[in-house]
Amino acid sequence: MTAIVTGASRGIGRAIAEHLMSRGIKVISTGRDTALLREPYIALDLRDPASAGKLIDFAIERTGRIDIVVNNAGATKRGGFEALSDDDWTDGYALKLFGAVRVTRAAWPHLKKTKGSVVNIAGVGGKTPGAEFSIGGSVNAALLSFTKSLAETGIADGVQVNAVNPGAIRTDRLKKRLGSGGEAAFVAKERVTRIGEPEDIAQLVGFIVSPAGRYLHGALIDCDGGATKSI
C-alpha cells in the first residue's frame, strides 16, 4: 500500500507519516522543509496549482499505486479580523483548501483503482471558530463541507472519505500560543482533558484507513480532549 501525506515535515503530518510507515505502508511525504522530511519525499509548495500533479506523478513513479491520501498541509494566520489582509485570507485558502482539493482531484483516478481512502485533517475551529481564528475557522469549515460532498462521490467510486478535527495539539505553533501561563493554565481555560499529542491524531488516522475503520465514511471526527461542546 502507498500513502501520500502532505505537510509531513513536522507535527501532525510527520507523526501520521511515521505511524503509517510503522505499519508497513509506503509513504510519500511532501512539505517545504526538506531537512525534516523522510524519504521518499518531494519538496513542494501546494499553493502552486501545478504541485498536485507533480506529487501524484512522483508517487506513481516510485510505487505504481496510491491507496491513501492524507491532506494535512495548511497553516492559517491568526489575528483580529480588522488586522487580517486580503493576502492573509488568500494564502490561508490557497494552501489548506485548494491544496487539498487539487491533490485529491489528481489522486482520485488512482484511488478509484485501489478502492482507497482520503483523510482531510481540518480542525475544531471549523465548528467553533474564535475571534482570533476567523481565517482558520472558515477554511476548516470549507474543508469539512468538501469532505461531506466528496464522500457522496466516494460511495459511487468506492473511495472512503473522512475528516479529522484535531484540537490543541503539542506542535511548535501551539507552544508559541501557550505563553507565560503554561500548559496547565491553557488546559483549565479551554476546559479540556489535556493537550493532545501528534501521535493521538496519527493513531486515529491509522484506524480510519485500516480495514477495521472502513465503515467510517463521510465522518467528521473530533479528536480534541472535549474542546468541542456543540453537537
Protein backbone atom coordinates (compact mmCIF):
# COMPACT_ATOMS: atom_id res chain seq x y z
CA MET A 1 0.00 0.00 0.00
CA THR A 2 1.08 3.55 -0.68
CA ALA A 3 0.03 6.67 1.24
CA ILE A 4 0.59 10.33 0.43
CA VAL A 5 0.89 12.63 3.43
CA THR A 6 1.09 16.38 2.87
CA GLY A 7 2.62 18.77 5.38
CA ALA A 8 4.73 15.86 6.62
CA SER A 9 7.88 17.66 7.74
CA ARG A 10 6.78 18.22 11.32
CA GLY A 11 3.94 17.99 13.85
CA ILE A 12 0.79 16.07 12.97
CA GLY A 13 1.84 15.32 9.40
CA ARG A 14 5.18 13.83 10.41
CA ALA A 15 3.52 11.73 13.12
CA ILE A 16 0.97 10.39 10.62
CA ALA A 17 3.69 9.52 8.11
CA GLU A 18 5.76 7.72 10.75
CA HIS A 19 2.75 5.82 12.11
CA LEU A 20 1.72 4.59 8.66
CA MET A 21 5.29 3.57 7.90
CA SER A 22 5.42 1.59 11.15
CA ARG A 23 2.52 -0.46 9.79
CA GLY A 24 4.37 -1.34 6.62
CA ILE A 25 2.72 1.25 4.38
CA LYS A 26 4.92 3.04 1.85
CA VAL A 27 4.62 6.76 2.49
CA ILE A 28 5.31 9.55 0.02
CA SER A 29 5.88 12.70 2.08
CA THR A 30 5.70 16.26 0.90
CA GLY A 31 6.39 19.60 2.51
CA ARG A 32 8.67 22.59 2.14
CA ASP A 33 11.33 21.78 4.78
CA THR A 34 13.40 19.07 3.11
CA ALA A 35 15.70 18.74 6.13
CA LEU A 36 12.80 17.27 8.15
CA LEU A 37 11.12 15.09 5.52
CA ARG A 38 11.54 11.32 5.48
CA GLU A 39 12.45 9.51 2.24
CA PRO A 40 10.90 9.14 -0.21
CA TYR A 41 9.75 12.74 -0.38
CA ILE A 42 9.20 15.55 -2.83
CA ALA A 43 9.56 19.17 -1.77
CA LEU A 44 6.55 21.17 -2.96
CA ASP A 45 4.53 24.24 -2.10
CA LEU A 46 0.92 23.19 -2.57
CA ARG A 47 -0.09 26.81 -3.10
CA ASP A 48 1.27 26.28 -6.62
CA PRO A 49 -1.53 24.81 -8.77
CA ALA A 50 1.00 22.63 -10.64
CA SER A 51 2.32 20.97 -7.48
CA ALA A 52 -0.53 18.47 -7.05
CA GLY A 53 0.13 16.82 -10.38
CA LYS A 54 3.86 16.65 -9.64
CA LEU A 55 3.14 14.96 -6.31
CA ILE A 56 0.87 12.31 -7.81
CA ASP A 57 3.27 11.64 -10.69
CA PHE A 58 6.10 11.22 -8.19
CA ALA A 59 4.10 8.73 -6.13
CA ILE A 60 3.13 6.65 -9.16
CA GLU A 61 6.71 6.64 -10.47
CA ARG A 62 8.01 5.45 -7.10
CA THR A 63 5.36 2.89 -6.14
CA GLY A 64 2.93 2.42 -9.02
CA ARG A 65 -0.18 2.98 -6.90
CA ILE A 66 -1.97 5.27 -4.43
CA ASP A 67 -4.12 3.81 -1.65
CA ILE A 68 -4.32 6.63 0.91
CA VAL A 69 -4.22 10.42 0.72
CA VAL A 70 -3.89 12.41 3.94
CA ASN A 71 -4.41 16.12 3.30
CA ASN A 72 -2.66 17.69 6.29
CA ALA A 73 -0.83 20.71 4.83
CA GLY A 74 -2.12 24.07 5.91
CA ALA A 75 -1.28 26.97 8.16
CA THR A 76 -3.53 29.98 8.56
CA LYS A 77 -2.71 33.31 10.14
CA ARG A 78 -4.30 34.14 13.48
CA GLY A 79 -5.33 37.65 14.42
CA GLY A 80 -8.16 40.08 14.91
CA PHE A 81 -10.49 40.47 11.97
CA GLU A 82 -9.54 44.06 11.14
CA ALA A 83 -5.85 43.19 11.12
CA LEU A 84 -6.15 40.40 8.55
CA SER A 85 -5.50 41.42 4.95
CA ASP A 86 -6.79 40.04 1.67
CA ASP A 87 -3.40 38.38 1.18
CA ASP A 88 -3.73 36.62 4.56
CA TRP A 89 -7.13 35.23 3.59
CA THR A 90 -5.99 34.21 0.12
CA ASP A 91 -2.93 32.45 1.49
CA GLY A 92 -4.98 30.52 4.06
CA TYR A 93 -7.34 29.15 1.43
CA ALA A 94 -4.62 28.55 -1.18
CA LEU A 95 -2.73 26.03 0.93
CA LYS A 96 -5.22 24.23 3.13
CA LEU A 97 -8.37 24.13 0.99
CA PHE A 98 -7.22 24.42 -2.60
CA GLY A 99 -4.13 22.32 -1.90
CA ALA A 100 -6.33 19.52 -0.57
CA VAL A 101 -8.80 19.84 -3.46
CA ARG A 102 -6.08 19.68 -6.10
CA VAL A 103 -4.17 16.78 -4.54
CA THR A 104 -7.36 14.78 -4.10
CA ARG A 105 -8.55 15.51 -7.63
CA ALA A 106 -5.19 14.43 -9.09
CA ALA A 107 -5.13 11.26 -6.97
CA TRP A 108 -8.79 10.31 -7.48
CA PRO A 109 -8.36 8.10 -10.60
CA HIS A 110 -5.73 6.07 -8.75
CA LEU A 111 -7.80 5.89 -5.56
CA LYS A 112 -10.73 4.51 -7.57
CA LYS A 113 -8.49 1.69 -8.83
CA THR A 114 -7.34 0.72 -5.33
CA LYS A 115 -10.63 1.46 -3.54
CA GLY A 116 -8.56 3.78 -1.42
CA SER A 117 -9.09 6.33 1.31
CA VAL A 118 -8.91 10.10 1.78
CA VAL A 119 -8.50 11.72 5.20
CA ASN A 120 -8.68 15.50 5.46
CA ILE A 121 -7.07 16.99 8.57
CA ALA A 122 -9.24 20.02 9.34
CA GLY A 123 -9.63 21.34 12.90
CA VAL A 124 -12.17 22.04 15.63
CA GLY A 125 -12.18 25.71 14.63
CA GLY A 126 -14.28 24.68 11.66
CA LYS A 127 -17.14 24.04 14.09
CA THR A 128 -16.37 26.55 16.84
CA PRO A 129 -14.27 29.41 15.43
CA GLY A 130 -12.99 32.17 17.68
CA ALA A 131 -12.35 35.85 17.12
CA GLU A 132 -8.63 35.25 16.55
CA PHE A 133 -9.24 32.33 14.20
CA SER A 134 -11.56 33.72 11.55
CA ILE A 135 -9.40 32.55 8.63
CA GLY A 136 -8.61 29.13 10.05
CA GLY A 137 -12.18 28.55 11.19
CA SER A 138 -13.67 29.37 7.82
CA VAL A 139 -11.07 27.35 5.91
CA ASN A 140 -11.66 24.35 8.17
CA ALA A 141 -15.41 24.68 7.75
CA ALA A 142 -14.96 24.69 3.97
CA LEU A 143 -12.75 21.60 4.22
CA LEU A 144 -15.41 19.80 6.26
CA SER A 145 -18.07 20.68 3.68
CA PHE A 146 -15.74 19.46 0.93
CA THR A 147 -15.34 16.19 2.84
CA LYS A 148 -19.10 15.61 3.04
CA SER A 149 -19.55 16.40 -0.66
CA LEU A 150 -16.66 14.19 -1.72
CA ALA A 151 -17.89 11.33 0.47
CA GLU A 152 -21.03 11.07 -1.66
CA THR A 153 -18.88 10.79 -4.78
CA GLY A 154 -16.77 8.24 -2.93
CA ILE A 155 -19.75 5.94 -2.42
CA ALA A 156 -20.17 5.61 -6.17
CA ASP A 157 -16.43 5.31 -6.83
CA GLY A 158 -15.54 3.04 -3.90
CA VAL A 159 -13.28 5.58 -2.19
CA GLN A 160 -13.53 6.16 1.56
CA VAL A 161 -13.59 9.84 2.59
CA ASN A 162 -13.43 11.23 6.13
CA ALA A 163 -12.10 14.20 8.08
CA VAL A 164 -10.41 14.57 11.47
CA ASN A 165 -10.71 17.71 13.59
CA PRO A 166 -7.69 17.98 15.88
CA GLY A 167 -7.96 20.16 18.94
CA ALA A 168 -4.97 21.73 20.69
CA ILE A 169 -2.03 19.54 19.67
CA ARG A 170 1.50 19.88 21.01
CA THR A 171 3.14 21.42 17.95
CA ASP A 172 5.59 24.29 17.54
CA ARG A 173 2.68 26.62 16.76
CA LEU A 174 0.86 25.71 19.97
CA LYS A 175 3.99 26.13 22.08
CA LYS A 176 4.16 29.75 20.95
CA ARG A 177 0.49 30.28 21.92
CA LEU A 178 0.86 28.87 25.44
CA GLY A 179 2.79 31.91 26.57
CA SER A 180 3.75 32.57 30.17
CA GLY A 181 0.68 30.88 31.63
CA GLY A 182 1.89 27.49 30.51
CA GLU A 183 0.11 24.25 29.78
CA ALA A 184 -1.89 23.91 33.00
CA ALA A 185 -3.46 27.36 32.59
CA PHE A 186 -4.31 26.62 28.95
CA VAL A 187 -5.99 23.32 29.81
CA ALA A 188 -8.01 24.95 32.59
CA LYS A 189 -9.08 27.87 30.42
CA GLU A 190 -10.08 25.69 27.47
CA ARG A 191 -11.77 23.10 29.73
CA VAL A 192 -10.17 20.09 28.03
CA THR A 193 -8.73 16.87 29.38
CA ARG A 194 -5.20 17.66 28.22
CA ILE A 195 -3.16 18.95 25.32
CA GLY A 196 -3.07 16.38 22.56
CA GLU A 197 -0.01 14.80 21.02
CA PRO A 198 0.60 14.46 17.27
CA GLU A 199 0.55 10.70 17.81
CA ASP A 200 -3.08 10.91 19.01
CA ILE A 201 -4.10 12.11 15.56
CA ALA A 202 -1.76 9.70 13.80
CA GLN A 203 -3.23 6.67 15.55
CA LEU A 204 -6.77 7.79 14.74
CA VAL A 205 -5.87 8.20 11.07
CA GLY A 206 -4.27 4.77 11.13
CA PHE A 207 -7.52 3.26 12.38
CA ILE A 208 -9.68 5.11 9.85
CA VAL A 209 -7.70 3.81 6.86
CA SER A 210 -7.43 0.27 8.24
CA PRO A 211 -9.92 -2.49 7.35
CA ALA A 212 -11.41 -2.09 10.86
CA GLY A 213 -12.27 1.55 10.13
CA ARG A 214 -13.70 1.09 6.69
CA TYR A 215 -17.32 1.59 7.77
CA LEU A 216 -16.45 5.18 8.66
CA HIS A 217 -17.49 7.28 5.68
CA GLY A 218 -18.25 10.97 5.48
CA ALA A 219 -17.44 11.23 9.18
CA LEU A 220 -16.17 14.47 10.72
CA ILE A 221 -14.33 13.16 13.77
CA ASP A 222 -13.38 15.47 16.66
CA CYS A 223 -10.18 14.47 18.45
CA ASP A 224 -9.87 17.36 20.85
CA GLY A 225 -9.99 16.36 24.52
CA GLY A 226 -13.52 17.66 24.84
CA ALA A 227 -12.93 21.12 23.34
CA THR A 228 -15.97 20.94 21.06
CA LYS A 229 -19.02 21.44 23.23
CA SER A 230 -21.59 21.65 20.42
CA ILE A 231 -23.44 18.71 18.88
